[in-house]
Amino acid sequence: MTNLLYAAGGAPATGSANPIMSFLPFLAIILVMYFLMIRPQAKKQKEKQNMLKDLKAGDEILTIGGLYGKIEGVKEKENILIVRIAKDVKVEMSKTAIADKITK
């Protein structure tokens, strides 16, 4: 009788699969995405926030638009920087427009 079941394409019932084992590949993919994508991006964003918070007069900066300048003053309440980009040329810009702090 069992030979007939195998010949018809049926398989004997071996019990139910563990539901945790069926979700294991999905959990592994989520962990890999976290460690390769989400965690490094969060760390980079935190470093940038600390850099923007620590900006002060005299720091040389690079803006998102590609301009190099030197901070002349900081308006703390408004998060605005006064940046000298050329001789006798000062502009006000938001702290969020700063891409990087130039270190010597």
N, C-alpha and C. Protein backbone atom coordinates (compact mmCIF):
# COMPACT_ATOMS: atom_id res chain seq x y z
N MET A 1 0.81 -1.18 0.00
CA MET A 1 0.00 0.00 0.00
C MET A 1 0.86 1.25 0.00
N THR A 2 1.94 1.23 0.77
CA THR A 2 2.80 2.41 0.79
C THR A 2 3.48 2.63 -0.55
N ASN A 3 3.73 1.56 -1.29
CA ASN A 3 4.30 1.70 -2.62
C ASN A 3 3.36 2.44 -3.55
N LEU A 4 2.08 2.25 -3.39
CA LEU A 4 1.09 2.94 -4.21
C LEU A 4 1.07 4.44 -3.89
N LEU A 5 1.24 4.79 -2.63
CA LEU A 5 1.26 6.21 -2.26
C LEU A 5 2.48 6.90 -2.85
N TYR A 6 3.61 6.24 -2.81
CA TYR A 6 4.81 6.83 -3.39
C TYR A 6 4.68 6.96 -4.90
N ALA A 7 4.07 5.98 -5.52
CA ALA A 7 3.91 6.02 -6.96
C ALA A 7 2.95 7.11 -7.38
N ALA A 8 1.98 7.43 -6.57
CA ALA A 8 0.99 8.47 -6.89
C ALA A 8 1.54 9.86 -6.57
N GLY A 9 2.73 9.98 -6.03
CA GLY A 9 3.32 11.28 -5.74
C GLY A 9 3.09 11.75 -4.33
N GLY A 10 2.48 10.98 -3.53
CA GLY A 10 2.25 11.35 -2.14
C GLY A 10 3.46 11.03 -1.30
N ALA A 11 3.60 11.72 -0.23
CA ALA A 11 4.70 11.46 0.68
C ALA A 11 4.13 11.13 2.03
N PRO A 12 4.79 10.30 2.77
CA PRO A 12 4.28 9.98 4.09
C PRO A 12 4.40 11.20 5.01
N ALA A 13 3.47 11.35 5.89
CA ALA A 13 3.48 12.49 6.83
C ALA A 13 4.57 12.26 7.86
N THR A 14 5.48 13.23 7.97
CA THR A 14 6.58 13.10 8.93
C THR A 14 6.41 14.03 10.11
N GLY A 15 5.33 14.78 10.18
CA GLY A 15 5.13 15.71 11.29
C GLY A 15 5.23 17.13 10.77
N SER A 16 4.89 18.07 11.61
CA SER A 16 4.91 19.48 11.18
C SER A 16 6.31 20.06 11.38
N ALA A 17 6.65 21.00 10.49
CA ALA A 17 7.97 21.64 10.58
C ALA A 17 7.95 22.68 11.70
N ASN A 18 9.08 22.93 12.27
CA ASN A 18 9.20 23.92 13.33
C ASN A 18 9.03 25.31 12.73
N PRO A 19 8.09 26.13 13.21
CA PRO A 19 7.87 27.45 12.61
C PRO A 19 9.06 28.40 12.78
N ILE A 20 9.81 28.21 13.81
CA ILE A 20 11.00 29.06 14.01
C ILE A 20 12.03 28.79 12.93
N MET A 21 12.18 27.57 12.55
CA MET A 21 13.15 27.23 11.51
C MET A 21 12.74 27.78 10.15
N SER A 22 11.45 27.94 9.92
CA SER A 22 11.02 28.49 8.64
C SER A 22 11.28 29.99 8.56
N PHE A 23 11.34 30.68 9.70
CA PHE A 23 11.63 32.12 9.72
C PHE A 23 13.11 32.43 9.86
N LEU A 24 13.93 31.43 10.09
CA LEU A 24 15.36 31.62 10.29
C LEU A 24 16.05 32.32 9.11
N PRO A 25 15.78 31.98 7.86
CA PRO A 25 16.42 32.70 6.75
C PRO A 25 16.05 34.19 6.72
N PHE A 26 14.80 34.50 7.02
CA PHE A 26 14.37 35.90 7.05
C PHE A 26 15.08 36.67 8.16
N LEU A 27 15.22 36.05 9.31
CA LEU A 27 15.93 36.69 10.42
C LEU A 27 17.40 36.91 10.07
N ALA A 28 17.99 35.94 9.38
CA ALA A 28 19.40 36.09 8.97
C ALA A 28 19.55 37.24 8.00
N ILE A 29 18.64 37.40 7.05
CA ILE A 29 18.70 38.50 6.09
C ILE A 29 18.56 39.84 6.81
N ILE A 30 17.66 39.93 7.77
CA ILE A 30 17.47 41.17 8.51
C ILE A 30 18.72 41.51 9.31
N LEU A 31 19.34 40.53 9.93
CA LEU A 31 20.58 40.77 10.69
C LEU A 31 21.71 41.24 9.78
N VAL A 32 21.85 40.63 8.63
CA VAL A 32 22.89 41.04 7.69
C VAL A 32 22.65 42.47 7.23
N MET A 33 21.40 42.81 6.90
CA MET A 33 21.08 44.18 6.49
C MET A 33 21.39 45.17 7.60
N TYR A 34 21.10 44.81 8.84
CA TYR A 34 21.37 45.70 9.96
C TYR A 34 22.86 45.98 10.09
N PHE A 35 23.66 44.93 10.08
CA PHE A 35 25.09 45.11 10.30
C PHE A 35 25.83 45.69 9.10
N LEU A 36 25.33 45.49 7.89
CA LEU A 36 26.02 46.00 6.70
C LEU A 36 25.49 47.34 6.22
N MET A 37 24.25 47.69 6.55
CA MET A 37 23.67 48.90 5.99
C MET A 37 23.19 49.89 7.07
N ILE A 38 22.36 49.46 7.95
CA ILE A 38 21.70 50.37 8.89
C ILE A 38 22.66 50.88 9.96
N ARG A 39 23.41 49.99 10.57
CA ARG A 39 24.31 50.38 11.66
C ARG A 39 25.41 51.34 11.20
N PRO A 40 26.11 51.08 10.10
CA PRO A 40 27.13 52.04 9.66
C PRO A 40 26.54 53.41 9.29
N GLN A 41 25.35 53.42 8.69
CA GLN A 41 24.73 54.69 8.33
C GLN A 41 24.35 55.48 9.57
N ALA A 42 23.85 54.82 10.59
CA ALA A 42 23.49 55.51 11.83
C ALA A 42 24.74 56.06 12.51
N LYS A 43 25.83 55.30 12.48
CA LYS A 43 27.08 55.76 13.08
C LYS A 43 27.61 56.99 12.34
N LYS A 44 27.54 56.97 11.02
CA LYS A 44 28.01 58.10 10.21
C LYS A 44 27.15 59.34 10.48
N GLN A 45 25.85 59.16 10.60
CA GLN A 45 24.96 60.28 10.87
C GLN A 45 25.23 60.87 12.25
N LYS A 46 25.51 60.04 13.22
CA LYS A 46 25.81 60.52 14.57
C LYS A 46 27.12 61.31 14.58
N GLU A 47 28.14 60.84 13.84
CA GLU A 47 29.40 61.57 13.75
C GLU A 47 29.20 62.94 13.12
N LYS A 48 28.36 63.01 12.08
CA LYS A 48 28.10 64.30 11.43
C LYS A 48 27.37 65.25 12.37
N GLN A 49 26.41 64.74 13.13
CA GLN A 49 25.69 65.58 14.09
C GLN A 49 26.65 66.13 15.14
N ASN A 50 27.58 65.31 15.60
CA ASN A 50 28.57 65.78 16.58
C ASN A 50 29.48 66.83 15.95
N MET A 51 29.88 66.65 14.69
CA MET A 51 30.72 67.62 14.00
C MET A 51 30.00 68.95 13.86
N LEU A 52 28.73 68.92 13.47
CA LEU A 52 27.96 70.15 13.32
C LEU A 52 27.77 70.86 14.66
N LYS A 53 27.59 70.08 15.71
CA LYS A 53 27.39 70.66 17.04
C LYS A 53 28.67 71.35 17.53
N ASP A 54 29.83 70.82 17.16
CA ASP A 54 31.11 71.33 17.66
C ASP A 54 31.71 72.44 16.80
N LEU A 55 31.02 72.89 15.75
CA LEU A 55 31.56 73.95 14.90
C LEU A 55 31.67 75.24 15.70
N LYS A 56 32.77 75.97 15.47
CA LYS A 56 33.00 77.24 16.17
C LYS A 56 33.72 78.20 15.23
N ALA A 57 33.80 79.43 15.64
CA ALA A 57 34.48 80.44 14.84
C ALA A 57 35.94 80.04 14.63
N GLY A 58 36.43 80.22 13.41
CA GLY A 58 37.80 79.88 13.07
C GLY A 58 37.95 78.54 12.37
N ASP A 59 36.93 77.72 12.40
CA ASP A 59 36.99 76.42 11.73
C ASP A 59 36.86 76.60 10.22
N GLU A 60 37.63 75.83 9.46
CA GLU A 60 37.52 75.83 8.01
C GLU A 60 36.57 74.70 7.62
N ILE A 61 35.68 75.01 6.67
CA ILE A 61 34.62 74.06 6.33
C ILE A 61 34.49 73.89 4.82
N LEU A 62 33.79 72.85 4.45
CA LEU A 62 33.40 72.59 3.07
C LEU A 62 31.89 72.48 3.07
N THR A 63 31.22 73.25 2.20
CA THR A 63 29.77 73.19 2.13
C THR A 63 29.32 72.07 1.20
N ILE A 64 28.05 71.76 1.26
CA ILE A 64 27.48 70.74 0.38
C ILE A 64 27.61 71.16 -1.07
N GLY A 65 27.56 72.47 -1.32
CA GLY A 65 27.69 72.99 -2.68
C GLY A 65 29.10 73.02 -3.20
N GLY A 66 30.09 72.70 -2.36
CA GLY A 66 31.47 72.64 -2.81
C GLY A 66 32.27 73.89 -2.51
N LEU A 67 31.74 74.82 -1.74
CA LEU A 67 32.48 76.04 -1.39
C LEU A 67 33.30 75.80 -0.13
N TYR A 68 34.53 76.29 -0.15
CA TYR A 68 35.37 76.26 1.04
C TYR A 68 35.25 77.61 1.72
N GLY A 69 35.26 77.61 3.03
CA GLY A 69 35.16 78.86 3.76
C GLY A 69 35.66 78.72 5.18
N LYS A 70 35.63 79.85 5.87
CA LYS A 70 36.07 79.89 7.26
C LYS A 70 34.95 80.51 8.08
N ILE A 71 34.61 79.88 9.18
CA ILE A 71 33.53 80.38 10.02
C ILE A 71 33.99 81.63 10.76
N GLU A 72 33.24 82.71 10.62
CA GLU A 72 33.54 83.97 11.29
C GLU A 72 32.69 84.14 12.55
N GLY A 73 31.52 83.55 12.56
CA GLY A 73 30.65 83.67 13.72
C GLY A 73 29.56 82.62 13.69
N VAL A 74 28.93 82.42 14.85
CA VAL A 74 27.88 81.43 14.98
C VAL A 74 26.69 82.07 15.68
N LYS A 75 25.51 81.93 15.08
CA LYS A 75 24.27 82.36 15.72
C LYS A 75 23.61 81.10 16.27
N GLU A 76 23.78 80.84 17.56
CA GLU A 76 23.35 79.57 18.15
C GLU A 76 21.85 79.35 18.09
N LYS A 77 21.06 80.38 18.36
CA LYS A 77 19.61 80.18 18.43
C LYS A 77 19.03 79.77 17.08
N GLU A 78 19.60 80.26 16.00
CA GLU A 78 19.03 80.02 14.69
C GLU A 78 19.79 78.96 13.90
N ASN A 79 20.84 78.39 14.46
CA ASN A 79 21.68 77.41 13.76
C ASN A 79 22.21 77.97 12.46
N ILE A 80 22.63 79.22 12.50
CA ILE A 80 23.16 79.89 11.31
C ILE A 80 24.63 80.22 11.56
N LEU A 81 25.44 80.01 10.52
CA LEU A 81 26.86 80.33 10.57
C LEU A 81 27.13 81.51 9.65
N ILE A 82 28.05 82.36 10.07
CA ILE A 82 28.55 83.42 9.19
C ILE A 82 29.89 82.93 8.67
N VAL A 83 29.95 82.74 7.35
CA VAL A 83 31.11 82.10 6.73
C VAL A 83 31.76 83.07 5.74
N ARG A 84 33.08 83.20 5.87
CA ARG A 84 33.84 84.01 4.91
C ARG A 84 34.31 83.07 3.80
N ILE A 85 33.87 83.36 2.57
CA ILE A 85 34.24 82.50 1.45
C ILE A 85 35.28 83.15 0.54
N ALA A 86 35.49 84.45 0.70
CA ALA A 86 36.51 85.19 -0.05
C ALA A 86 36.80 86.46 0.75
N LYS A 87 37.81 87.20 0.31
CA LYS A 87 38.15 88.44 0.99
C LYS A 87 36.96 89.40 0.93
N ASP A 88 36.53 89.88 2.06
CA ASP A 88 35.40 90.79 2.21
C ASP A 88 34.08 90.21 1.71
N VAL A 89 33.95 88.89 1.63
CA VAL A 89 32.69 88.26 1.23
C VAL A 89 32.28 87.30 2.35
N LYS A 90 31.21 87.67 3.05
CA LYS A 90 30.68 86.83 4.13
C LYS A 90 29.24 86.47 3.79
N VAL A 91 28.90 85.24 4.05
CA VAL A 91 27.54 84.76 3.81
C VAL A 91 27.03 84.07 5.07
N GLU A 92 25.71 84.09 5.21
CA GLU A 92 25.08 83.35 6.29
C GLU A 92 24.54 82.06 5.71
N MET A 93 24.79 80.96 6.40
CA MET A 93 24.27 79.68 5.93
C MET A 93 23.88 78.81 7.11
N SER A 94 23.00 77.89 6.83
CA SER A 94 22.53 76.96 7.83
C SER A 94 23.61 75.93 8.15
N LYS A 95 23.61 75.45 9.37
CA LYS A 95 24.58 74.41 9.73
C LYS A 95 24.38 73.14 8.91
N THR A 96 23.16 72.91 8.48
CA THR A 96 22.88 71.69 7.71
C THR A 96 23.50 71.74 6.32
N ALA A 97 23.98 72.91 5.87
CA ALA A 97 24.61 73.04 4.56
C ALA A 97 26.09 72.70 4.61
N ILE A 98 26.60 72.32 5.78
CA ILE A 98 28.02 72.00 5.94
C ILE A 98 28.22 70.51 5.68
N ALA A 99 29.11 70.22 4.75
CA ALA A 99 29.41 68.82 4.43
C ALA A 99 30.51 68.26 5.30
N ASP A 100 31.55 69.08 5.58
CA ASP A 100 32.69 68.55 6.31
C ASP A 100 33.49 69.69 6.94
N LYS A 101 34.18 69.36 8.00
CA LYS A 101 35.11 70.27 8.65
C LYS A 101 36.51 69.92 8.15
N ILE A 102 37.22 70.92 7.66
CA ILE A 102 38.54 70.70 7.09
C ILE A 102 39.56 70.70 8.23
N THR A 103 40.33 69.63 8.32
CA THR A 103 41.39 69.55 9.33
C THR A 103 42.73 69.67 8.64
N LYS A 104 43.64 70.29 9.32
CA LYS A 104 44.97 70.52 8.74
C LYS A 104 45.90 69.41 9.07
